[in-house]
Amino acid sequence: CTSLSIVASKSPTMTTNRRSRSRQSALKTAAASVLGIALYSIFSEESYLHNGRRFLTSELEHEMEVNPLSMPAQIAVADDAEATDFNAGENNMSYLTSSHSTLLPWAQNNLVDIHDGPAQTDATNMFWHIPKAGGTTAKQLYQCMGKTLTIRIGIDPRHGHDQTDEIVVFPPIAGKDWKTVNVDTTIRPGIVRAKKMGLVQSRTADLIFTMEPAFAGEKLFDPQNKGRIMALFRNPVDRLVSKFYYLQTATWERTYKPEWKDMTIVEWAELPSEDENFMVRKLSGKRFSEPVNEMDLILAKEFLRQRVVVGLMGEMTESFRRFNIAMNVDVQEERNRRCVEEYFGVKDADSGVKNSNKHPKVVEGSPEWRALAKKNHLDIILYSYAERLFEEQKQIIDSYTAQDSENKQQESVEERNEPQPIVEVIHRKL
């Protein structure tokens, strides 16, 4: 009896450990599948470096290039991964086969699909701010429209809301009617705080800005409170050159680097940097100390393909037209129309005049360009893929308006078909 009671007391722990081992095994198998795809895409046919730009020409890459938005899924991941029972044994792979997705579970469950417009989903909008890629223009445009944004100014101690545990929406600048929230979603600690405060559930923000798309996507949203993510992309080498010159003179920035004035770009490129393959790193959720590889690149591509409204800094007018559609912003409304004209009128269209950082240009193929491209080859591949997605997504984003029209027509039909109230007529005998 004693031995039986001991076994019974240990049973829950043993079951938990067995589930943990089973889950780890399943995850390892999933990782191995992705790695297999990555290795196949790299080595199956031809992979080479040309002028610092790495091209993959495997069958998988070819399929992505031909039709990137309809490529069949290569991995299967369960929607309800956390709830899957692994008691059936180490070889139970229901976790991998209950649904088809090449996304990590949080991305699959917490963010809306690129094909679902604002009329179909009640999602909170999030903008991934890639440094020196047009994010400041996005902030200023939606401030002009009077939107509520989550940016760093929300926790400025001067406003007195940085220590409050409850959501506070307020105008941070006197005389301006745009608002912010007392959270900082641009960094990880701020995202954790925003989650505890229930930022997304409060429905107070029109647009969440972040520099941590994977961390924010996983922590802020859930299947009942989904997010829609959009981002502006810029050629990685051009972006880094802009940052190199910008931080030499930007005394107002916390990351001001006057010492860079005495360096060449080639010397600067040799330094350890958190910007190395920045986009792939951020989409994989990895920190600076963690290496990124081709597996991370493929997952990043799939994340863009299925979840991100892609914009290009070289196509600002068209990019923000799509962002406005995705956010259900009525650009025919007088104020919004004036803001769009102010930032993307004929004079400033796609030229970056309002927030431009004047600096010497780096020519593709030059020693400077090659030095930066060599350390950021994964980002260059991802950017090339983003350019293709930008072309492919036009039809999808434009379909959002058709979805909205269909929903309005359906609502109109339902209203007409509602049963009329029955009027009881009482005949009185005279």
Foldseek 3Di string as FASTA:
>chain_A
DVVVVVCVVCVVVVQVVQQVLLLVLLVVVQLVQLVVVLVCQDPVPDWDADLLAIDGDGPVVVQCLVPVQPDFARWAADLPLVPDRRVVHNPDNCRTPVGGDLADNLLVQFFAWLLDFVVRDVAAEEEADDAQQCPVVVVVLVQLVQFEEEAPLLLDCVVVCLPPLEWDWDCSDPPGRRIYINFHQADLVRLQSCLSRLVQVVVRGLYYYYNQVQSNSRRNTGNVHHYAYEYEDEQLLQSVVLVLVCLCPPPVDPSRDVVSVPDDLLVVLPDQDCSQLVQLCRNLRHGSVDDDDSSSLVNSSSSCSIGYLYHYLQQVLVSVVLVCRRSVPDCVPVSSVVSSCVCCNPVNNSPCVVPDRDDDDDDRSDSSNSSNSNRNNSNNVSVVSSVSVNVVCPVSSVCSVVVVVVVVVVVVVVVVPPDDDDDDDDDDDD
